[in-house]
Structures are given as C-alpha cells and as structure tokens.
Amino acid sequence: MRADIQLGDQTAEIARVVVEAAPGVEKIPAAERVYAYVKAAILDRTYPGGELLTEGELATAVGVSRTPVREALLRLEESGLVKLYPKKGALILPVLPQEIDDVLEARELIETHAAAKVWPRRKQLIETLTRQVEEMRAHRKAGDAKSFLEADRAFHEAIVGAAGNQILAKLYNSLRDRQVRMGVPGIEVQPARMDKSITAHQEMIDALGGNSVKRFRELVVAHINEAAIDLRSSR
C-alpha cells in the first residue's frame, strides 16, 4: 500500500510507519495505527469501494487486537468512508454521483467564505500560494498526479486555514479526503487537466494582488465548478 497520498501530514506519516513496520511503530496508539492504515488504503483504492473488511483481517494486517480496530472503524464511518455492519465488518462506501455534488457544493460554501475572510490580509498569502503553484508545475512536468494533487490541496487549505475558523478548516480537510478517491483517476487519464488547474490557481494569485474581492471569489467558484465537470466526466 502507498502512504504518499493526500492525507494530513501526521496521518500519512503514521500510515507509512505502519506499512514499513518502522522503528517506533509500537509507540503510536493502536487505534491511530489502524485508522491511518485503513484510511490510506481506502484513499489510494487498495481497498476499493464495495469491499467488505473484517475486524480480524485488519487486526492481523496492523498487528493489533480487535478493540482498536473497532475504534478506528467508528472514526472512518463518521468520515463517510465506511459503513459498519454488526458481526460482518465494514463496507468501503463507493463514490456515488451525489457524493461528488455534495462534496463540491460544501467546498464552494467554505472556500468562498474563506476568500472573503482572508481578503484584508491577502498579501501575506501570496508567497505561500505561489510556492504551491511552483510545486504543481514541477509535479506536472514529472507526470506525478498524486503529488500534483497534494500541492493543489495545500493551496486551497492555505486559503481556508488563513480564514481562522478551525472548525471549517477541519471540515474542509475531510471534504478533500473524500475527493481524493474521486479525482486521482481522472487526472491520471487526462493530464491536460493539470495545465488548466495551474492556470486557474495562478489567476487566483493574480487576483489576490489586485483590488477586487469579487473577482477573487468568482475565480474560486469557477475553479470548483470546473473541477465538478472534470470529476463527473471521469466517472
């Protein structure tokens, strides 16, 4: 299983440590190990939608008892990644067309709100966002779709994070987790989408250097709408 995917930094590192049985793995709480391992496997489709996982097989895979497995699966159910069935296991929920619509609608609400909140201190963001776009260009050149999407995610999370609402930032992070399973296949098949995305992100940076918050918000909405079209066409 690959752990170099679009997870939070801490979760991705725990997943890597578990997979590699690296030194110090025993110091990580057992439930956290299971959560990171299963989440990584779901997001990179090692565990595809529709697959039923049992507590026993997960306990064996991670090397823990069943109790922390149950704790981890409850967290994953709250995140909308699995559905628990007593005495049977956890069903990996497939990505449905309605989920794409719901995730992107929620993204638009959060990101347009954040765009307005960060406007008074926008100039502080430009350096961070420019760095992410430079990384996107490098990953596009290398043909690395997963790393490209990591930089893309970091770009948007920087804007949402700068708005200063930790509850919205946490919700946004969970939305992007769910979008990982939707977006990677399409962008691998149609790498030209990376070029469109880079252009859109650069336009947002340019707007931050201007004097129209309306223009910035419009670009954010247009970018999300374009993502929606691409995601639906790749299903």
C-alpha atoms as a PDB file:
ATOM      1  CA  MET A   1       0.000   0.000   0.000  1.00  0.00           C
ATOM      2  CA  ARG A   2       1.209   3.504  -0.813  1.00  0.00           C
ATOM      3  CA  ALA A   3       1.246   6.023   2.011  1.00  0.00           C
ATOM      4  CA  ASP A   4       2.446   9.003  -0.083  1.00  0.00           C
ATOM      5  CA  ILE A   5      -1.067  10.218  -0.803  1.00  0.00           C
ATOM      6  CA  GLN A   6      -3.192  13.199   0.106  1.00  0.00           C
ATOM      7  CA  LEU A   7      -3.641  12.727   3.801  1.00  0.00           C
ATOM      8  CA  GLY A   8      -2.850  15.105   6.591  1.00  0.00           C
ATOM      9  CA  ASP A   9       0.903  15.040   7.218  1.00  0.00           C
ATOM     10  CA  GLN A  10       0.587  13.214  10.543  1.00  0.00           C
ATOM     11  CA  THR A  11      -1.833  10.587   9.225  1.00  0.00           C
ATOM     12  CA  ALA A  12       0.303   9.946   6.156  1.00  0.00           C
ATOM     13  CA  GLU A  13       3.397   9.503   8.307  1.00  0.00           C
ATOM     14  CA  ILE A  14       1.638   7.051  10.635  1.00  0.00           C
ATOM     15  CA  ALA A  15       0.415   5.075   7.609  1.00  0.00           C
ATOM     16  CA  ARG A  16       3.974   4.899   6.274  1.00  0.00           C
ATOM     17  CA  VAL A  17       5.360   3.764   9.630  1.00  0.00           C
ATOM     18  CA  VAL A  18       2.712   1.049   9.898  1.00  0.00           C
ATOM     19  CA  VAL A  19       3.249  -0.230   6.367  1.00  0.00           C
ATOM     20  CA  GLU A  20       7.007  -0.340   6.778  1.00  0.00           C
ATOM     21  CA  ALA A  21       6.863  -1.627  10.364  1.00  0.00           C
ATOM     22  CA  ALA A  22       9.316   1.168  11.077  1.00  0.00           C
ATOM     23  CA  PRO A  23      11.014   1.737  14.442  1.00  0.00           C
ATOM     24  CA  GLY A  24       8.728   3.448  16.919  1.00  0.00           C
ATOM     25  CA  VAL A  25       5.523   1.996  15.494  1.00  0.00           C
ATOM     26  CA  GLU A  26       4.676   0.447  18.869  1.00  0.00           C
ATOM     27  CA  LYS A  27       4.659   3.926  20.448  1.00  0.00           C
ATOM     28  CA  ILE A  28       1.747   5.045  18.251  1.00  0.00           C
ATOM     29  CA  PRO A  29      -1.678   4.275  19.825  1.00  0.00           C
ATOM     30  CA  ALA A  30      -3.113   1.130  18.286  1.00  0.00           C
ATOM     31  CA  ALA A  31      -6.387   2.755  17.166  1.00  0.00           C
ATOM     32  CA  GLU A  32      -4.442   5.550  15.463  1.00  0.00           C
ATOM     33  CA  ARG A  33      -2.338   2.986  13.606  1.00  0.00           C
ATOM     34  CA  VAL A  34      -5.420   1.188  12.314  1.00  0.00           C
ATOM     35  CA  TYR A  35      -7.160   4.431  11.371  1.00  0.00           C
ATOM     36  CA  ALA A  36      -4.188   5.725   9.374  1.00  0.00           C
ATOM     37  CA  TYR A  37      -3.577   2.370   7.685  1.00  0.00           C
ATOM     38  CA  VAL A  38      -7.181   1.824   6.588  1.00  0.00           C
ATOM     39  CA  LYS A  39      -7.740   5.454   5.574  1.00  0.00           C
ATOM     40  CA  ALA A  40      -4.644   5.413   3.364  1.00  0.00           C
ATOM     41  CA  ALA A  41      -5.736   2.136   1.774  1.00  0.00           C
ATOM     42  CA  ILE A  42      -9.217   3.497   1.050  1.00  0.00           C
ATOM     43  CA  LEU A  43      -7.999   6.761  -0.441  1.00  0.00           C
ATOM     44  CA  ASP A  44      -5.489   5.127  -2.780  1.00  0.00           C
ATOM     45  CA  ARG A  45      -8.067   2.414  -3.604  1.00  0.00           C
ATOM     46  CA  THR A  46      -6.041  -0.507  -2.260  1.00  0.00           C
ATOM     47  CA  TYR A  47      -9.388  -1.162  -0.576  1.00  0.00           C
ATOM     48  CA  PRO A  48     -11.853  -0.283  -3.367  1.00  0.00           C
ATOM     49  CA  GLY A  49     -15.439   0.806  -2.960  1.00  0.00           C
ATOM     50  CA  GLY A  50     -17.743  -2.127  -2.293  1.00  0.00           C
ATOM     51  CA  GLU A  51     -15.159  -4.249  -0.477  1.00  0.00           C
ATOM     52  CA  LEU A  52     -16.090  -5.656   2.934  1.00  0.00           C
ATOM     53  CA  LEU A  53     -13.354  -5.554   5.558  1.00  0.00           C
ATOM     54  CA  THR A  54     -13.454  -7.671   8.696  1.00  0.00           C
ATOM     55  CA  GLU A  55     -12.089  -6.716  12.083  1.00  0.00           C
ATOM     56  CA  GLY A  56      -9.992  -9.865  12.114  1.00  0.00           C
ATOM     57  CA  GLU A  57      -8.171  -9.201   8.863  1.00  0.00           C
ATOM     58  CA  LEU A  58      -7.448  -5.595   9.821  1.00  0.00           C
ATOM     59  CA  ALA A  59      -6.203  -6.617  13.244  1.00  0.00           C
ATOM     60  CA  THR A  60      -3.836  -9.083  11.581  1.00  0.00           C
ATOM     61  CA  ALA A  61      -2.696  -6.579   8.944  1.00  0.00           C
ATOM     62  CA  VAL A  62      -1.759  -3.927  11.504  1.00  0.00           C
ATOM     63  CA  GLY A  63      -0.750  -6.274  14.302  1.00  0.00           C
ATOM     64  CA  VAL A  64      -3.227  -5.181  16.970  1.00  0.00           C
ATOM     65  CA  SER A  65      -6.243  -6.577  18.818  1.00  0.00           C
ATOM     66  CA  ARG A  66      -9.806  -6.106  17.602  1.00  0.00           C
ATOM     67  CA  THR A  67     -10.704  -3.378  20.116  1.00  0.00           C
ATOM     68  CA  PRO A  68      -8.641  -0.598  18.476  1.00  0.00           C
ATOM     69  CA  VAL A  69      -9.887  -1.801  15.088  1.00  0.00           C
ATOM     70  CA  ARG A  70     -13.454  -1.083  16.205  1.00  0.00           C
ATOM     71  CA  GLU A  71     -12.445   2.375  17.420  1.00  0.00           C
ATOM     72  CA  ALA A  72     -10.748   3.177  14.117  1.00  0.00           C
ATOM     73  CA  LEU A  73     -13.678   1.940  12.037  1.00  0.00           C
ATOM     74  CA  LEU A  74     -16.086   4.133  14.006  1.00  0.00           C
ATOM     75  CA  ARG A  75     -13.945   7.171  13.119  1.00  0.00           C
ATOM     76  CA  LEU A  76     -13.906   6.136   9.464  1.00  0.00           C
ATOM     77  CA  GLU A  77     -17.685   5.743   9.483  1.00  0.00           C
ATOM     78  CA  GLU A  78     -18.033   9.275  10.893  1.00  0.00           C
ATOM     79  CA  SER A  79     -15.866  10.471   7.983  1.00  0.00           C
ATOM     80  CA  GLY A  80     -18.234   8.844   5.480  1.00  0.00           C
ATOM     81  CA  LEU A  81     -15.674   6.364   4.169  1.00  0.00           C
ATOM     82  CA  VAL A  82     -17.186   3.125   5.501  1.00  0.00           C
ATOM     83  CA  LYS A  83     -20.499   1.692   6.679  1.00  0.00           C
ATOM     84  CA  LEU A  84     -20.371  -0.645   9.665  1.00  0.00           C
ATOM     85  CA  TYR A  85     -22.424  -3.826   9.770  1.00  0.00           C
ATOM     86  CA  PRO A  86     -22.503  -5.594  13.164  1.00  0.00           C
ATOM     87  CA  LYS A  87     -20.855  -9.046  13.138  1.00  0.00           C
ATOM     88  CA  LYS A  88     -19.977  -8.638   9.456  1.00  0.00           C
ATOM     89  CA  GLY A  89     -17.467  -5.840   9.128  1.00  0.00           C
ATOM     90  CA  ALA A  90     -17.001  -2.506   7.407  1.00  0.00           C
ATOM     91  CA  LEU A  91     -18.150  -1.877   3.851  1.00  0.00           C
ATOM     92  CA  ILE A  92     -15.999   0.561   1.878  1.00  0.00           C
ATOM     93  CA  LEU A  93     -18.520   3.037   0.520  1.00  0.00           C
ATOM     94  CA  PRO A  94     -18.259   3.549  -3.235  1.00  0.00           C
ATOM     95  CA  VAL A  95     -18.111   7.031  -4.708  1.00  0.00           C
ATOM     96  CA  LEU A  96     -21.576   7.966  -5.980  1.00  0.00           C
ATOM     97  CA  PRO A  97     -22.511  10.848  -8.327  1.00  0.00           C
ATOM     98  CA  GLN A  98     -24.467  12.506  -5.494  1.00  0.00           C
ATOM     99  CA  GLU A  99     -21.360  12.448  -3.286  1.00  0.00           C
ATOM    100  CA  ILE A 100     -19.436  14.378  -5.928  1.00  0.00           C
ATOM    101  CA  ASP A 101     -22.159  17.030  -5.995  1.00  0.00           C
ATOM    102  CA  ASP A 102     -22.381  17.215  -2.209  1.00  0.00           C
ATOM    103  CA  VAL A 103     -18.630  17.463  -1.636  1.00  0.00           C
ATOM    104  CA  LEU A 104     -18.132  20.168  -4.235  1.00  0.00           C
ATOM    105  CA  GLU A 105     -21.138  22.178  -3.032  1.00  0.00           C
ATOM    106  CA  ALA A 106     -19.732  22.109   0.501  1.00  0.00           C
ATOM    107  CA  ARG A 107     -16.296  23.070  -0.820  1.00  0.00           C
ATOM    108  CA  GLU A 108     -17.764  26.075  -2.601  1.00  0.00           C
ATOM    109  CA  LEU A 109     -19.526  27.293   0.522  1.00  0.00           C
ATOM    110  CA  ILE A 110     -16.398  27.023   2.657  1.00  0.00           C
ATOM    111  CA  GLU A 111     -13.943  28.382   0.094  1.00  0.00           C
ATOM    112  CA  THR A 112     -15.979  31.408  -0.929  1.00  0.00           C
ATOM    113  CA  HIS A 113     -16.497  32.252   2.730  1.00  0.00           C
ATOM    114  CA  ALA A 114     -12.745  31.905   3.308  1.00  0.00           C
ATOM    115  CA  ALA A 115     -11.963  34.020   0.250  1.00  0.00           C
ATOM    116  CA  ALA A 116     -13.845  36.950   1.753  1.00  0.00           C
ATOM    117  CA  LYS A 117     -12.357  36.478   5.229  1.00  0.00           C
ATOM    118  CA  VAL A 118      -8.733  36.423   4.046  1.00  0.00           C
ATOM    119  CA  TRP A 119      -9.039  39.411   1.727  1.00  0.00           C
ATOM    120  CA  PRO A 120      -7.849  42.038   4.259  1.00  0.00           C
ATOM    121  CA  ARG A 121      -4.586  40.095   4.763  1.00  0.00           C
ATOM    122  CA  ARG A 122      -4.334  38.621   1.292  1.00  0.00           C
ATOM    123  CA  LYS A 123      -0.818  39.823   0.551  1.00  0.00           C
ATOM    124  CA  GLN A 124       0.522  37.553   3.295  1.00  0.00           C
ATOM    125  CA  LEU A 125      -0.912  34.574   1.384  1.00  0.00           C
ATOM    126  CA  ILE A 126       0.630  35.272  -1.992  1.00  0.00           C
ATOM    127  CA  GLU A 127       4.061  33.869  -1.154  1.00  0.00           C
ATOM    128  CA  THR A 128       2.622  30.623   0.234  1.00  0.00           C
ATOM    129  CA  LEU A 129       0.260  30.130  -2.691  1.00  0.00           C
ATOM    130  CA  THR A 130       2.959  30.925  -5.250  1.00  0.00           C
ATOM    131  CA  ARG A 131       5.149  28.230  -3.719  1.00  0.00           C
ATOM    132  CA  GLN A 132       2.348  25.683  -4.074  1.00  0.00           C
ATOM    133  CA  VAL A 133       1.806  26.581  -7.726  1.00  0.00           C
ATOM    134  CA  GLU A 134       5.523  26.177  -8.379  1.00  0.00           C
ATOM    135  CA  GLU A 135       5.300  22.698  -6.870  1.00  0.00           C
ATOM    136  CA  MET A 136       2.294  21.939  -9.059  1.00  0.00           C
ATOM    137  CA  ARG A 137       4.287  22.910 -12.145  1.00  0.00           C
ATOM    138  CA  ALA A 138       7.159  20.654 -11.097  1.00  0.00           C
ATOM    139  CA  HIS A 139       4.853  17.686 -10.497  1.00  0.00           C
ATOM    140  CA  ARG A 140       3.085  18.308 -13.820  1.00  0.00           C
ATOM    141  CA  LYS A 141       6.448  18.180 -15.576  1.00  0.00           C
ATOM    142  CA  ALA A 142       7.268  14.914 -13.798  1.00  0.00           C
ATOM    143  CA  GLY A 143       3.844  13.453 -14.550  1.00  0.00           C
ATOM    144  CA  ASP A 144       3.234  12.811 -10.842  1.00  0.00           C
ATOM    145  CA  ALA A 145      -0.544  13.152 -10.449  1.00  0.00           C
ATOM    146  CA  LYS A 146      -0.683  12.282  -6.749  1.00  0.00           C
ATOM    147  CA  SER A 147       1.970  14.814  -5.755  1.00  0.00           C
ATOM    148  CA  PHE A 148       0.325  17.371  -8.041  1.00  0.00           C
ATOM    149  CA  LEU A 149      -2.938  16.950  -6.175  1.00  0.00           C
ATOM    150  CA  GLU A 150      -1.080  17.199  -2.859  1.00  0.00           C
ATOM    151  CA  ALA A 151       0.182  20.654  -3.861  1.00  0.00           C
ATOM    152  CA  ASP A 152      -3.270  21.558  -5.180  1.00  0.00           C
ATOM    153  CA  ARG A 153      -4.793  20.591  -1.858  1.00  0.00           C
ATOM    154  CA  ALA A 154      -2.182  22.551   0.088  1.00  0.00           C
ATOM    155  CA  PHE A 155      -3.009  25.652  -1.998  1.00  0.00           C
ATOM    156  CA  HIS A 156      -6.679  25.569  -1.070  1.00  0.00           C
ATOM    157  CA  GLU A 157      -6.056  24.557   2.542  1.00  0.00           C
ATOM    158  CA  ALA A 158      -3.786  27.585   2.938  1.00  0.00           C
ATOM    159  CA  ILE A 159      -6.664  29.871   1.962  1.00  0.00           C
ATOM    160  CA  VAL A 160      -9.185  28.124   4.213  1.00  0.00           C
ATOM    161  CA  GLY A 161      -6.711  27.969   7.092  1.00  0.00           C
ATOM    162  CA  ALA A 162      -5.931  31.664   6.804  1.00  0.00           C
ATOM    163  CA  ALA A 163      -9.614  32.424   7.381  1.00  0.00           C
ATOM    164  CA  GLY A 164      -9.029  31.426  11.003  1.00  0.00           C
ATOM    165  CA  ASN A 165     -12.003  29.115  11.607  1.00  0.00           C
ATOM    166  CA  GLN A 166     -10.624  25.789  12.845  1.00  0.00           C
ATOM    167  CA  ILE A 167     -13.987  24.014  12.631  1.00  0.00           C
ATOM    168  CA  LEU A 168     -14.347  24.918   8.959  1.00  0.00           C
ATOM    169  CA  ALA A 169     -10.715  24.000   8.324  1.00  0.00           C
ATOM    170  CA  LYS A 170     -11.256  20.539   9.805  1.00  0.00           C
ATOM    171  CA  LEU A 171     -14.443  20.052   7.789  1.00  0.00           C
ATOM    172  CA  TYR A 172     -12.663  21.191   4.643  1.00  0.00           C
ATOM    173  CA  ASN A 173      -9.869  18.687   5.263  1.00  0.00           C
ATOM    174  CA  SER A 174     -12.401  15.852   5.465  1.00  0.00           C
ATOM    175  CA  LEU A 175     -14.015  17.002   2.214  1.00  0.00           C
ATOM    176  CA  ARG A 176     -10.677  16.900   0.423  1.00  0.00           C
ATOM    177  CA  ASP A 177     -10.015  13.429   1.823  1.00  0.00           C
ATOM    178  CA  ARG A 178     -13.233  12.258   0.210  1.00  0.00           C
ATOM    179  CA  GLN A 179     -12.360  13.990  -3.052  1.00  0.00           C
ATOM    180  CA  VAL A 180      -9.043  12.124  -3.320  1.00  0.00           C
ATOM    181  CA  ARG A 181     -10.829   8.953  -4.387  1.00  0.00           C
ATOM    182  CA  MET A 182     -12.781  10.919  -6.982  1.00  0.00           C
ATOM    183  CA  GLY A 183     -10.029  12.989  -8.536  1.00  0.00           C
ATOM    184  CA  VAL A 184      -6.840  10.967  -8.975  1.00  0.00           C
ATOM    185  CA  PRO A 185      -8.035   8.542 -11.685  1.00  0.00           C
ATOM    186  CA  GLY A 186      -9.323  11.289 -13.945  1.00  0.00           C
ATOM    187  CA  ILE A 187      -6.256  13.471 -13.701  1.00  0.00           C
ATOM    188  CA  GLU A 188      -4.008  10.494 -14.483  1.00  0.00           C
ATOM    189  CA  VAL A 189      -6.034   9.763 -17.599  1.00  0.00           C
ATOM    190  CA  GLN A 190      -6.265  13.425 -18.663  1.00  0.00           C
ATOM    191  CA  PRO A 191      -3.021  15.133 -17.586  1.00  0.00           C
ATOM    192  CA  ALA A 192      -4.025  18.270 -19.540  1.00  0.00           C
ATOM    193  CA  ARG A 193      -6.335  18.930 -16.592  1.00  0.00           C
ATOM    194  CA  MET A 194      -3.191  19.735 -14.618  1.00  0.00           C
ATOM    195  CA  ASP A 195      -2.422  22.577 -17.039  1.00  0.00           C
ATOM    196  CA  LYS A 196      -5.913  24.035 -16.628  1.00  0.00           C
ATOM    197  CA  SER A 197      -5.614  23.785 -12.881  1.00  0.00           C
ATOM    198  CA  ILE A 198      -2.249  25.557 -12.812  1.00  0.00           C
ATOM    199  CA  THR A 199      -3.680  28.390 -14.895  1.00  0.00           C
ATOM    200  CA  ALA A 200      -6.688  28.716 -12.596  1.00  0.00           C
ATOM    201  CA  HIS A 201      -4.526  28.802  -9.478  1.00  0.00           C
ATOM    202  CA  GLN A 202      -2.224  31.438 -10.970  1.00  0.00           C
ATOM    203  CA  GLU A 203      -5.241  33.574 -11.826  1.00  0.00           C
ATOM    204  CA  MET A 204      -6.341  33.390  -8.194  1.00  0.00           C
ATOM    205  CA  ILE A 205      -2.914  34.558  -7.045  1.00  0.00           C
ATOM    206  CA  ASP A 206      -3.010  37.415  -9.536  1.00  0.00           C
ATOM    207  CA  ALA A 207      -6.457  38.396  -8.231  1.00  0.00           C
ATOM    208  CA  LEU A 208      -5.122  38.472  -4.673  1.00  0.00           C
ATOM    209  CA  GLY A 209      -2.614  41.062  -5.859  1.00  0.00           C
ATOM    210  CA  GLY A 210      -5.426  43.195  -7.254  1.00  0.00           C
ATOM    211  CA  ASN A 211      -8.223  45.172  -5.628  1.00  0.00           C
ATOM    212  CA  SER A 212     -11.385  43.157  -6.288  1.00  0.00           C
ATOM    213  CA  VAL A 213     -12.528  40.578  -3.754  1.00  0.00           C
ATOM    214  CA  LYS A 214     -15.476  39.911  -6.067  1.00  0.00           C
ATOM    215  CA  ARG A 215     -13.072  38.836  -8.802  1.00  0.00           C
ATOM    216  CA  PHE A 216     -11.217  36.544  -6.402  1.00  0.00           C
ATOM    217  CA  ARG A 217     -14.420  34.874  -5.213  1.00  0.00           C
ATOM    218  CA  GLU A 218     -15.602  34.429  -8.796  1.00  0.00           C
ATOM    219  CA  LEU A 219     -12.353  32.676  -9.693  1.00  0.00           C
ATOM    220  CA  VAL A 220     -12.668  30.358  -6.698  1.00  0.00           C
ATOM    221  CA  VAL A 221     -16.211  29.398  -7.733  1.00  0.00           C
ATOM    222  CA  ALA A 222     -15.223  28.931 -11.385  1.00  0.00           C
ATOM    223  CA  HIS A 223     -12.342  26.654 -10.379  1.00  0.00           C
ATOM    224  CA  ILE A 224     -14.578  24.448  -8.229  1.00  0.00           C
ATOM    225  CA  ASN A 225     -17.203  24.285 -10.980  1.00  0.00           C
ATOM    226  CA  GLU A 226     -14.515  23.214 -13.446  1.00  0.00           C
ATOM    227  CA  ALA A 227     -13.420  20.517 -11.006  1.00  0.00           C
ATOM    228  CA  ALA A 228     -17.015  19.298 -10.813  1.00  0.00           C
ATOM    229  CA  ILE A 229     -17.240  18.987 -14.589  1.00  0.00           C
ATOM    230  CA  ASP A 230     -13.938  17.091 -14.762  1.00  0.00           C
ATOM    231  CA  LEU A 231     -14.877  14.732 -11.953  1.00  0.00           C
ATOM    232  CA  ARG A 232     -18.252  13.867 -13.462  1.00  0.00           C
ATOM    233  CA  SER A 233     -16.717  13.268 -16.895  1.00  0.00           C
ATOM    234  CA  SER A 234     -14.138  10.874 -15.422  1.00  0.00           C
ATOM    235  CA  ARG A 235     -16.660   8.626 -13.695  1.00  0.00           C
END
